[in-house]
Amino acid sequence: MPKTEETVLQNDPSVAENGAPEPKTPGQSQKSKSFCLHDQCPDLIETVNEVSKLSIAHEIVVNQDFYVEETILPSNSVEGRFAEAMYNAFWNHLKEQLLSTPPDFTCALELLKDVKETLLSLLLPWQNRLRNEIEEALDTDLLKQEAEHGALDVPHLSNYILNLMTLLCAPVRDEAIQKLEAITDPVQLLRGIFRVLGLMKMDMVNYTIQSFRPYLQEHSIQYEQAKFQELLDKQPSLLDYTTKWLTKAATDITTPCPSSPESPSSSRSMACSLPNGAGNNSEPPSPTMVLYQGYLNLLLWDPENEEFPETLLMDRTRLQEMAFQLHQLTVLASVLLVARSFSGEILFSSSEFVDRLKCITKALTEEFISRPEETMLSVSEQVSQEIHQGLKDMGLTTLSSENTASLLGQLQNITKKENCIRSIVDQRIRLFLKCCLLHGMQESLLHFPGGLILIERELAELGWKFLNLMHHNQQVFGPYYAEILKNIIHPAQAQETDVEHN
C-alpha cells in the first residue's frame, strides 16, 4: 500500500534507528493493577511521578542527542534468560492453540487487541479516516464473534496489519517489514509483527521528542521552576544540600590561601588559583562568584558523597562524565607537553602525528583513575615508540637512550598529583572553565590558555557543554540561589529583612 501525505511527518528520516524496547508480553493488559503503596502513600507516588516528568523534560532540553533506544538484556543474565523464556512460552502457547482442533483463538484475540492499540497510538491527530478504518477492521467484538464461529482469518488479518505498518512506518523500518512479508508461518509472522510494531512505537516517541523540543526549550525555565516549587512546597528541606554546597563555595573563596603549595585537585586550591575578587581582602565575595565557584566544585565532587545539591540532581551523572573528561584532558595535555618538549616543534607541526598521539593516549588513559601507574607505563612506552618512529620517518635524529629514559620517566611521573606539569595544566583548564562562566565562550576562546593549544578542540567542546548546562541551571534556580547566598554572604542584612517583613 503506497504511503500518503498523512504519514509524511511520521516518515522523518532523522528518527532514531537504534530500535525500541522489547514489547511487553502479548496479551498483557495495558493497565497494571494498583499496589497497596498507591493507597498508603499517594503523596509519595505523586512526588515520584512529578520528579519523573521533570527529569524527562529536563533531559530533552539539555541533551540534544536524547532519544529512546532499545534496551537489550544480556542473554547470559538471569533477567535476559527469564524474559526470553517467558516470551517464548507465550508464542509456543499461541502456536498450540492455533493448531488445536478446533482452533483456540484466546491468545490470538488478546494479541490482536494489543496490535490494534499500538496501531492507533501511531496515528497523528488528524488521521481520522485511518483511525476509523482500523477501528472497523480490528473491531474487538466482531473478531470475538468470528473466533466463536471458528471463522477468524489470522493470515488475512496479519496481511492487513502489514499493509498498515508499511503505510505508517518510518523509512528505516521498510526493510524489516519487507522481511516480514516473506514469512508464511502465522505464529512467526505475528511474532515479527509485534516486535516491529514496538520499534515503530519507539520511532513515534522519538518523533514526538523532536517535535516538542523547540516548545520545551522555549518554556523549560518556567516549567522546571514551577515543578520544583511544587516539590519544595511539599518538602521544605529540599534545599538543605544546596545550601551546604553554596556555603562550602563561599568558604573556598573567602579563606586565605595557604603559604605552602597545595594540590590543585582540591576545591580549596582551585579557588586560590582562580581570580575571584575576594579572599585576600575584607570585602565579601559577590553572589555570582560564589555560585560559579560552586559550579566548578561540582567537577571535583566525591562520587561517594550523597549530599549532592538538590537543584542539580538531574545533572549529576552528566557532571560526573564532565569531571572524567576534565581529568582525562588534564592527563592528555600533560602527556602532549612532555612529548613535545622531547620531540621538538617540527614533529608536532604535523597535525596527523598529533592526532595519532591523541588517539593513542585517550584510548590508553580510559582507566587512568583506577590504574594510574599501569596506565602511564603503557602510555609512556607507546608515546616513546611513536616519537621514535615519527622522527625517523621525517629524517630527524632520534632520541638517545638517555633522552628516551628521561621521556619515559617524566611521562610516568604524571601519575603523581603534585607533578608540576599536571598541576599547571589542571589549574589552567579550570581557569578556562571559570572564564567561560564569567565572560562567555567566544571571549574565552580569544584568550585561550597557553600550553593547552594542543587540546583546544576538546577543551572547547567540554567548555560549551559545561557552560550551557550551568547557564540553564542558573536560569531555572537563580531565585533560589540568590536567597540562599543572601543569607550566606550577608546574614545580618538577611535577618534585618526578615524582621522587617515580620
Protein backbone atom coordinates (compact mmCIF):
# COMPACT_ATOMS: atom_id res chain seq x y z
CA MET A 1 0.00 0.00 0.00
CA PRO A 2 1.57 3.34 -1.01
CA LYS A 3 2.24 5.96 1.62
CA THR A 4 0.05 9.05 1.66
CA GLU A 5 0.65 12.63 2.74
CA GLU A 6 -0.90 11.76 6.07
CA THR A 7 2.25 9.89 7.03
CA VAL A 8 4.89 12.31 5.79
CA LEU A 9 5.72 13.59 9.28
CA GLN A 10 5.98 10.06 10.63
CA ASN A 11 8.46 9.09 7.91
CA ASP A 12 11.08 11.55 9.13
CA PRO A 13 14.46 10.08 8.11
CA SER A 14 16.12 11.67 11.12
CA VAL A 15 14.22 9.45 13.50
CA ALA A 16 16.48 7.20 15.59
CA GLU A 17 17.45 3.87 14.06
CA ASN A 18 18.56 2.04 17.15
CA GLY A 19 15.40 0.08 17.80
CA ALA A 20 12.82 0.04 20.54
CA PRO A 21 12.30 -1.61 23.87
CA GLU A 22 11.10 -5.18 23.62
CA PRO A 23 7.29 -5.03 23.79
CA LYS A 24 5.54 -6.34 26.84
CA THR A 25 4.30 -9.91 26.72
CA PRO A 26 1.40 -10.02 24.19
CA GLY A 27 -1.98 -10.17 25.81
CA GLN A 28 -0.81 -8.38 28.92
CA SER A 29 -3.24 -5.69 29.99
CA GLN A 30 -2.15 -2.12 29.30
CA LYS A 31 -3.16 -1.09 32.81
CA SER A 32 -1.33 -2.75 35.68
CA LYS A 33 -3.09 -3.42 38.93
CA SER A 34 -2.59 -0.86 41.68
CA PHE A 35 -0.38 -1.85 44.55
CA CYS A 36 -1.23 -1.08 48.12
CA LEU A 37 1.56 1.53 48.06
CA HIS A 38 -0.70 3.74 45.94
CA ASP A 39 -3.32 3.66 48.67
CA GLN A 40 -0.90 4.02 51.55
CA CYS A 41 1.45 6.70 50.17
CA PRO A 42 -0.37 8.72 47.50
CA ASP A 43 1.82 11.77 48.17
CA LEU A 44 4.99 9.73 47.65
CA ILE A 45 3.73 8.25 44.39
CA GLU A 46 2.68 11.68 43.17
CA THR A 47 6.09 13.12 44.04
CA VAL A 48 7.88 10.30 42.22
CA ASN A 49 5.70 10.87 39.14
CA GLU A 50 6.34 14.62 39.19
CA VAL A 51 10.10 14.12 39.52
CA SER A 52 10.00 11.62 36.65
CA LYS A 53 8.17 14.07 34.39
CA LEU A 54 10.56 16.86 35.35
CA SER A 55 13.61 14.68 34.71
CA ILE A 56 12.41 13.66 31.24
CA ALA A 57 11.59 17.24 30.22
CA HIS A 58 14.96 18.43 31.56
CA GLU A 59 16.83 15.69 29.71
CA ILE A 60 15.16 16.56 26.40
CA VAL A 61 16.10 20.23 26.79
CA VAL A 62 19.74 19.92 27.90
CA ASN A 63 20.64 16.82 25.88
CA GLN A 64 20.27 17.45 22.17
CA ASP A 65 21.12 13.80 21.46
CA PHE A 66 18.42 12.42 23.76
CA TYR A 67 16.22 9.74 22.25
CA VAL A 68 14.59 6.47 23.25
CA GLU A 69 16.55 3.40 22.24
CA GLU A 70 16.26 -0.33 22.54
CA THR A 71 17.20 -1.88 25.86
CA ILE A 72 18.50 -5.38 25.30
CA LEU A 73 19.07 -7.55 28.33
CA PRO A 74 22.30 -9.61 28.18
CA SER A 75 21.44 -13.12 27.01
CA ASN A 76 23.61 -14.66 29.73
CA SER A 77 21.96 -12.66 32.54
CA VAL A 78 19.21 -14.02 34.79
CA GLU A 79 16.86 -11.26 33.65
CA GLY A 80 17.65 -11.95 30.00
CA ARG A 81 17.09 -15.69 30.26
CA PHE A 82 13.87 -15.21 32.21
CA ALA A 83 12.47 -12.67 29.75
CA GLU A 84 13.37 -14.88 26.78
CA ALA A 85 11.79 -17.93 28.41
CA MET A 86 8.55 -16.09 29.18
CA TYR A 87 8.41 -14.59 25.70
CA ASN A 88 8.97 -17.96 24.00
CA ALA A 89 6.40 -19.58 26.26
CA PHE A 90 3.69 -17.23 25.02
CA TRP A 91 4.42 -17.83 21.34
CA ASN A 92 4.61 -21.59 21.83
CA HIS A 93 1.27 -21.48 23.62
CA LEU A 94 -0.23 -19.42 20.78
CA LYS A 95 1.00 -21.98 18.24
CA GLU A 96 -0.55 -24.84 20.22
CA GLN A 97 -3.86 -23.01 20.39
CA LEU A 98 -4.00 -22.29 16.65
CA LEU A 99 -3.05 -25.89 15.75
CA SER A 100 -5.63 -27.45 18.08
CA THR A 101 -8.92 -28.85 16.73
CA PRO A 102 -10.96 -26.74 16.71
CA PRO A 103 -8.55 -23.78 16.88
CA ASP A 104 -8.45 -21.82 20.11
CA PHE A 105 -8.20 -18.09 19.41
CA THR A 106 -7.97 -16.85 23.01
CA CYS A 107 -4.34 -15.67 22.83
CA ALA A 108 -4.74 -14.52 19.23
CA LEU A 109 -7.60 -12.19 20.23
CA GLU A 110 -5.55 -10.66 23.04
CA LEU A 111 -2.64 -10.21 20.66
CA LEU A 112 -4.81 -8.55 18.01
CA LYS A 113 -6.23 -6.24 20.66
CA ASP A 114 -2.70 -5.13 21.61
CA VAL A 115 -1.76 -4.70 17.96
CA LYS A 116 -4.82 -2.54 17.38
CA GLU A 117 -3.97 -0.29 20.34
CA THR A 118 -0.40 0.07 19.09
CA LEU A 119 -1.50 0.96 15.56
CA LEU A 120 -3.90 3.58 16.89
CA SER A 121 -1.12 5.07 19.03
CA LEU A 122 0.97 5.58 15.88
CA LEU A 123 -1.63 7.79 14.23
CA LEU A 124 -1.39 11.56 14.16
CA PRO A 125 -4.36 13.55 15.47
CA TRP A 126 -5.74 14.41 12.02
CA GLN A 127 -5.68 10.85 10.64
CA ASN A 128 -9.35 10.27 11.41
CA ARG A 129 -10.13 8.25 8.27
CA LEU A 130 -7.37 5.77 9.02
CA ARG A 131 -8.41 5.63 12.66
CA ASN A 132 -11.98 4.71 11.70
CA GLU A 133 -10.71 2.10 9.25
CA ILE A 134 -8.58 0.41 11.93
CA GLU A 135 -11.41 0.52 14.44
CA GLU A 136 -13.67 -1.19 11.93
CA ALA A 137 -11.21 -3.79 10.60
CA LEU A 138 -9.96 -4.79 14.06
CA ASP A 139 -13.22 -4.39 15.94
CA THR A 140 -12.80 -6.46 19.11
CA ASP A 141 -16.42 -7.60 19.35
CA LEU A 142 -16.52 -8.61 15.69
CA LEU A 143 -13.26 -10.55 15.94
CA LYS A 144 -14.56 -12.31 19.04
CA GLN A 145 -17.72 -13.38 17.21
CA GLU A 146 -15.66 -14.69 14.28
CA ALA A 147 -13.47 -16.64 16.71
CA GLU A 148 -16.51 -18.21 18.39
CA HIS A 149 -17.68 -19.48 14.98
CA GLY A 150 -14.17 -20.66 14.00
CA ALA A 151 -14.04 -18.10 11.20
CA LEU A 152 -11.21 -15.87 12.44
CA ASP A 153 -8.84 -15.47 9.48
CA VAL A 154 -5.47 -14.82 11.17
CA PRO A 155 -3.37 -14.80 7.93
CA HIS A 156 -5.75 -12.26 6.33
CA LEU A 157 -5.59 -10.00 9.41
CA SER A 158 -1.82 -10.32 9.51
CA ASN A 159 -1.54 -9.15 5.89
CA TYR A 160 -3.87 -6.23 6.62
CA ILE A 161 -1.71 -5.24 9.60
CA LEU A 162 1.43 -5.47 7.46
CA ASN A 163 -0.10 -3.12 4.90
CA LEU A 164 -0.90 -0.62 7.66
CA MET A 165 2.62 -0.90 9.02
CA THR A 166 4.03 -0.21 5.56
CA LEU A 167 1.90 2.91 5.43
CA LEU A 168 2.75 4.19 8.91
CA CYS A 169 6.37 3.22 9.44
CA ALA A 170 9.41 5.46 9.17
CA PRO A 171 11.71 4.66 6.20
CA VAL A 172 14.21 2.94 8.50
CA ARG A 173 11.61 0.19 9.14
CA ASP A 174 10.80 -0.56 5.47
CA GLU A 175 13.38 -3.31 5.21
CA ALA A 176 12.18 -5.03 8.41
CA ILE A 177 8.59 -5.04 7.15
CA GLN A 178 9.64 -6.40 3.76
CA LYS A 179 11.28 -9.33 5.55
CA LEU A 180 8.02 -9.97 7.43
CA GLU A 181 6.14 -10.24 4.14
CA ALA A 182 8.19 -13.31 3.26
CA ILE A 183 7.19 -15.21 6.43
CA THR A 184 4.47 -17.83 5.86
CA ASP A 185 4.17 -19.33 9.34
CA PRO A 186 1.30 -17.38 11.03
CA VAL A 187 2.80 -17.50 14.52
CA GLN A 188 6.27 -16.39 13.40
CA LEU A 189 4.64 -13.65 11.34
CA LEU A 190 2.65 -12.36 14.30
CA ARG A 191 5.76 -12.50 16.46
CA GLY A 192 7.68 -10.45 13.90
CA ILE A 193 4.80 -8.01 13.56
CA PHE A 194 4.64 -7.50 17.30
CA ARG A 195 8.36 -6.74 17.56
CA VAL A 196 8.49 -4.34 14.61
CA LEU A 197 5.43 -2.55 15.96
CA GLY A 198 7.44 -1.99 19.13
CA LEU A 199 10.18 -0.39 17.06
CA MET A 200 7.64 1.79 15.27
CA LYS A 201 6.18 2.89 18.59
CA MET A 202 9.66 3.90 19.71
CA ASP A 203 10.10 5.81 16.43
CA MET A 204 6.92 7.74 17.18
CA VAL A 205 8.19 8.60 20.65
CA ASN A 206 11.42 9.96 19.16
CA TYR A 207 9.49 11.89 16.52
CA THR A 208 7.37 13.41 19.28
CA ILE A 209 10.50 14.37 21.21
CA GLN A 210 11.92 16.08 18.13
CA SER A 211 8.66 17.91 17.52
CA PHE A 212 8.25 19.15 21.07
CA ARG A 213 11.89 20.02 21.79
CA PRO A 214 11.60 23.64 20.47
CA TYR A 215 8.48 24.17 22.60
CA LEU A 216 10.12 22.67 25.67
CA GLN A 217 13.23 24.77 25.15
CA GLU A 218 11.10 27.90 24.97
CA HIS A 219 9.13 27.12 28.12
CA SER A 220 11.50 24.85 30.05
CA ILE A 221 12.65 27.52 32.51
CA GLN A 222 9.13 28.33 33.70
CA TYR A 223 8.13 24.66 33.67
CA GLU A 224 11.09 23.48 35.75
CA GLN A 225 10.68 26.37 38.18
CA ALA A 226 7.01 25.63 38.68
CA LYS A 227 7.54 21.90 39.17
CA PHE A 228 10.43 22.41 41.58
CA GLN A 229 8.39 24.90 43.59
CA GLU A 230 5.60 22.35 43.87
CA LEU A 231 8.09 19.82 45.24
CA LEU A 232 9.59 22.43 47.59
CA ASP A 233 6.15 23.27 48.97
CA LYS A 234 5.72 19.60 49.89
CA GLN A 235 9.31 19.16 51.15
CA PRO A 236 10.63 22.38 52.77
CA SER A 237 14.02 20.72 53.39
CA LEU A 238 14.59 20.21 49.67
CA LEU A 239 17.29 22.91 49.55
CA ASP A 240 19.38 21.76 52.52
CA TYR A 241 22.19 20.19 50.45
CA THR A 242 22.12 23.12 48.03
CA THR A 243 22.69 25.46 50.96
CA LYS A 244 25.64 23.37 52.20
CA TRP A 245 27.11 23.30 48.70
CA LEU A 246 26.98 27.10 48.32
CA THR A 247 28.26 27.63 51.86
CA LYS A 248 31.28 25.49 51.01
CA ALA A 249 31.84 27.53 47.83
CA ALA A 250 31.74 30.79 49.80
CA THR A 251 34.28 29.38 52.28
CA ASP A 252 36.59 28.33 49.43
CA ILE A 253 36.62 31.87 48.09
CA THR A 254 36.94 33.80 51.35
CA THR A 255 39.53 31.59 53.08
CA PRO A 256 43.07 32.97 52.56
CA CYS A 257 45.38 30.77 50.51
CA PRO A 258 47.99 28.79 52.48
CA SER A 259 51.58 29.77 52.01
CA SER A 260 52.61 26.26 51.03
CA PRO A 261 51.72 24.72 47.66
CA GLU A 262 48.66 22.55 47.61
CA SER A 263 47.35 20.01 45.15
CA PRO A 264 45.01 21.60 42.58
CA SER A 265 42.76 18.58 42.89
CA SER A 266 41.16 20.17 45.94
CA SER A 267 38.49 22.81 45.61
CA ARG A 268 40.41 24.99 48.10
CA SER A 269 43.47 25.12 45.85
CA MET A 270 41.34 25.72 42.79
CA ALA A 271 39.64 28.68 44.44
CA CYS A 272 43.04 30.16 45.27
CA SER A 273 44.30 29.72 41.72
CA LEU A 274 41.35 31.49 40.12
CA PRO A 275 40.58 35.21 40.19
CA ASN A 276 37.52 35.90 42.29
CA GLY A 277 37.85 39.38 43.65
CA ALA A 278 37.69 38.09 47.21
CA GLY A 279 39.62 36.01 49.67
CA ASN A 280 42.54 38.42 50.04
CA ASN A 281 40.56 41.42 51.31
CA SER A 282 37.78 42.23 53.73
CA GLU A 283 35.16 42.71 51.03
CA PRO A 284 32.59 39.89 50.84
CA PRO A 285 32.52 37.94 47.58
CA SER A 286 29.84 38.58 45.04
CA PRO A 287 26.98 36.03 44.86
CA THR A 288 27.88 35.34 41.23
CA MET A 289 31.46 34.42 42.07
CA VAL A 290 30.32 32.13 44.87
CA LEU A 291 27.85 30.40 42.56
CA TYR A 292 30.48 29.92 39.85
CA GLN A 293 32.91 28.54 42.44
CA GLY A 294 30.15 26.12 43.44
CA TYR A 295 29.67 25.07 39.84
CA LEU A 296 33.41 24.38 39.47
CA ASN A 297 33.43 22.42 42.74
CA LEU A 298 30.91 20.04 41.19
CA LEU A 299 33.67 18.82 38.88
CA LEU A 300 35.61 17.73 41.98
CA TRP A 301 32.71 16.04 43.73
CA ASP A 302 33.40 12.82 45.57
CA PRO A 303 31.18 10.15 43.96
CA GLU A 304 30.61 8.64 47.41
CA ASN A 305 29.24 11.92 48.79
CA GLU A 306 25.45 11.69 48.64
CA GLU A 307 24.91 15.29 49.76
CA PHE A 308 24.71 16.47 46.16
CA PRO A 309 22.83 19.78 45.69
CA GLU A 310 19.16 19.07 45.05
CA THR A 311 18.95 21.66 42.27
CA LEU A 312 21.49 19.71 40.21
CA LEU A 313 20.48 16.12 40.96
CA MET A 314 19.11 15.60 37.44
CA ASP A 315 22.53 16.51 36.06
CA ARG A 316 24.68 14.53 38.49
CA THR A 317 25.58 11.80 36.01
CA ARG A 318 26.23 14.37 33.31
CA LEU A 319 28.54 16.33 35.63
CA GLN A 320 30.39 13.16 36.61
CA GLU A 321 31.02 12.49 32.93
CA MET A 322 32.33 16.05 32.52
CA ALA A 323 34.59 15.58 35.55
CA PHE A 324 36.00 12.42 33.96
CA GLN A 325 36.56 14.28 30.66
CA LEU A 326 38.32 17.10 32.51
CA HIS A 327 40.58 14.62 34.28
CA GLN A 328 41.35 12.84 31.02
CA LEU A 329 42.11 16.14 29.27
CA THR A 330 44.49 17.07 32.08
CA VAL A 331 46.44 13.85 31.56
CA LEU A 332 46.26 14.15 27.77
CA ALA A 333 47.59 17.72 27.73
CA SER A 334 50.35 16.79 30.20
CA VAL A 335 51.44 13.88 28.01
CA LEU A 336 51.47 16.06 24.89
CA LEU A 337 53.51 18.82 26.58
CA VAL A 338 56.11 16.35 27.80
CA ALA A 339 56.24 14.63 24.40
CA ARG A 340 56.65 17.94 22.56
CA SER A 341 59.49 19.01 24.83
CA PHE A 342 61.45 15.94 23.74
CA SER A 343 60.50 15.67 20.07
CA GLY A 344 60.56 19.31 19.08
CA GLU A 345 58.20 21.60 17.18
CA ILE A 346 58.91 20.09 13.76
CA LEU A 347 57.35 16.75 14.61
CA PHE A 348 54.45 18.40 16.44
CA SER A 349 53.76 20.68 13.48
CA SER A 350 52.28 17.59 11.81
CA SER A 351 48.56 17.50 12.66
CA GLU A 352 48.47 13.86 11.60
CA PHE A 353 51.13 12.94 14.16
CA VAL A 354 49.45 14.94 16.95
CA ASP A 355 46.05 13.41 16.22
CA ARG A 356 47.55 9.91 16.29
CA LEU A 357 49.24 10.63 19.60
CA LYS A 358 45.96 12.00 20.99
CA CYS A 359 44.04 8.95 19.86
CA ILE A 360 46.56 6.57 21.43
CA THR A 361 46.70 8.48 24.72
CA LYS A 362 42.91 8.78 25.03
CA ALA A 363 42.45 5.07 24.45
CA LEU A 364 45.13 4.09 26.95
CA THR A 365 44.01 6.50 29.71
CA GLU A 366 40.38 5.34 29.92
CA GLU A 367 41.25 3.52 33.14
CA PHE A 368 43.77 6.05 34.46
CA ILE A 369 41.80 6.76 37.65
CA SER A 370 41.65 3.12 38.73
CA ARG A 371 45.11 2.05 37.47
CA PRO A 372 47.33 5.16 37.11
CA GLU A 373 50.78 3.55 37.27
CA GLU A 374 49.95 0.70 34.92
CA THR A 375 48.19 3.06 32.54
CA MET A 376 51.04 5.57 32.32
CA LEU A 377 53.55 2.76 31.86
CA SER A 378 51.67 1.74 28.69
CA VAL A 379 51.29 5.39 27.61
CA SER A 380 54.97 6.16 28.07
CA GLU A 381 56.09 3.13 26.08
CA GLN A 382 53.65 3.77 23.23
CA VAL A 383 54.35 7.52 23.05
CA SER A 384 58.11 6.86 23.06
CA GLN A 385 57.73 4.46 20.13
CA GLU A 386 55.58 6.96 18.21
CA ILE A 387 58.11 9.75 18.71
CA HIS A 388 61.00 7.49 17.67
CA GLN A 389 59.15 6.38 14.52
CA GLY A 390 57.95 9.92 13.74
CA LEU A 391 61.47 11.39 13.96
CA LYS A 392 62.82 8.54 11.88
CA ASP A 393 60.16 9.00 9.15
CA MET A 394 60.96 12.72 8.91
CA GLY A 395 64.68 12.04 8.61
CA LEU A 396 65.42 13.65 12.00
CA THR A 397 67.77 12.45 14.70
CA THR A 398 66.02 10.00 17.00
CA LEU A 399 66.21 10.26 20.77
CA SER A 400 69.26 8.97 22.53
CA SER A 401 68.90 6.21 25.09
CA GLU A 402 69.41 8.78 27.84
CA ASN A 403 66.68 11.10 26.48
CA THR A 404 64.37 8.14 25.95
CA ALA A 405 64.77 7.10 29.58
CA SER A 406 64.10 10.68 30.68
CA LEU A 407 60.99 10.85 28.49
CA LEU A 408 59.66 7.59 29.95
CA GLY A 409 60.34 8.80 33.49
CA GLN A 410 58.61 12.17 33.01
CA LEU A 411 55.56 10.59 31.41
CA GLN A 412 55.23 8.03 34.20
CA ASN A 413 55.65 10.82 36.77
CA ILE A 414 52.34 12.32 35.56
CA THR A 415 50.59 9.77 37.80
CA LYS A 416 51.54 11.95 40.79
CA LYS A 417 49.03 14.68 41.60
CA GLU A 418 51.82 17.01 42.66
CA ASN A 419 53.52 16.65 39.26
CA CYS A 420 54.38 20.20 38.19
CA ILE A 421 53.15 19.91 34.59
CA ARG A 422 49.93 18.16 35.59
CA SER A 423 49.27 20.77 38.31
CA ILE A 424 49.70 23.69 35.93
CA VAL A 425 47.55 22.05 33.23
CA ASP A 426 44.82 21.28 35.75
CA GLN A 427 44.76 24.87 37.02
CA ARG A 428 44.68 26.35 33.53
CA ILE A 429 41.84 24.08 32.42
CA ARG A 430 39.75 25.10 35.43
CA LEU A 431 40.65 28.73 34.87
CA PHE A 432 39.40 28.41 31.31
CA LEU A 433 36.09 26.92 32.51
CA LYS A 434 35.65 29.73 35.02
CA CYS A 435 36.38 32.30 32.31
CA CYS A 436 33.69 30.63 30.20
CA LEU A 437 31.20 31.18 33.02
CA LEU A 438 32.32 34.78 33.59
CA HIS A 439 32.86 36.05 30.07
CA GLY A 440 31.24 33.54 27.71
CA MET A 441 32.79 31.07 25.32
CA GLN A 442 33.71 33.43 22.47
CA GLU A 443 35.85 35.74 24.59
CA SER A 444 37.40 32.80 26.45
CA LEU A 445 38.50 31.24 23.15
CA LEU A 446 40.16 34.52 22.16
CA HIS A 447 42.30 34.29 25.29
CA PHE A 448 42.90 30.56 25.25
CA PRO A 449 45.31 29.38 27.97
CA GLY A 450 48.91 29.00 26.90
CA GLY A 451 50.15 25.45 26.71
CA LEU A 452 46.71 23.99 26.04
CA ILE A 453 46.50 24.74 22.35
CA LEU A 454 47.01 21.05 21.54
CA ILE A 455 43.69 20.21 23.22
CA GLU A 456 41.83 23.36 22.14
CA ARG A 457 39.11 21.46 20.27
CA GLU A 458 38.46 19.00 23.08
CA LEU A 459 38.55 21.66 25.80
CA ALA A 460 36.25 23.97 23.85
CA GLU A 461 33.75 21.14 23.47
CA LEU A 462 33.83 20.49 27.22
CA GLY A 463 33.53 24.21 27.89
CA TRP A 464 30.44 24.54 25.72
CA LYS A 465 28.73 21.63 27.46
CA PHE A 466 29.61 22.90 30.92
CA LEU A 467 28.64 26.50 30.15
CA ASN A 468 25.28 25.60 28.57
CA LEU A 469 24.36 23.25 31.41
CA MET A 470 25.26 25.74 34.14
CA HIS A 471 23.56 28.60 32.30
CA HIS A 472 20.35 26.59 32.11
CA ASN A 473 20.63 25.68 35.79
CA GLN A 474 21.21 29.32 36.76
CA GLN A 475 18.16 30.44 34.79
CA VAL A 476 15.96 27.87 36.50
CA PHE A 477 17.23 28.11 40.06
CA GLY A 478 18.65 31.65 40.12
CA PRO A 479 15.97 32.98 42.51
CA TYR A 480 16.64 30.15 44.99
CA TYR A 481 20.39 30.67 44.78
CA ALA A 482 20.01 34.43 45.33
CA GLU A 483 18.02 33.89 48.51
CA ILE A 484 20.45 31.29 49.86
CA LEU A 485 23.52 33.39 49.03
CA LYS A 486 21.99 36.45 50.66
CA ASN A 487 21.83 34.53 53.92
CA ILE A 488 25.35 33.18 53.49
CA ILE A 489 27.16 36.36 52.43
CA HIS A 490 25.10 38.96 54.28
CA PRO A 491 23.43 37.09 57.15
CA ALA A 492 22.91 40.24 59.24
CA GLN A 493 21.15 42.06 56.41
CA ALA A 494 19.04 38.99 55.70
CA GLN A 495 17.93 38.85 59.34
CA GLU A 496 17.04 42.55 59.30
CA THR A 497 14.99 42.00 56.16
CA ASP A 498 13.17 39.07 57.79
CA VAL A 499 12.41 41.22 60.84
CA GLU A 500 11.03 44.00 58.66
CA HIS A 501 8.82 41.55 56.77
CA ASN A 502 7.53 40.12 60.04
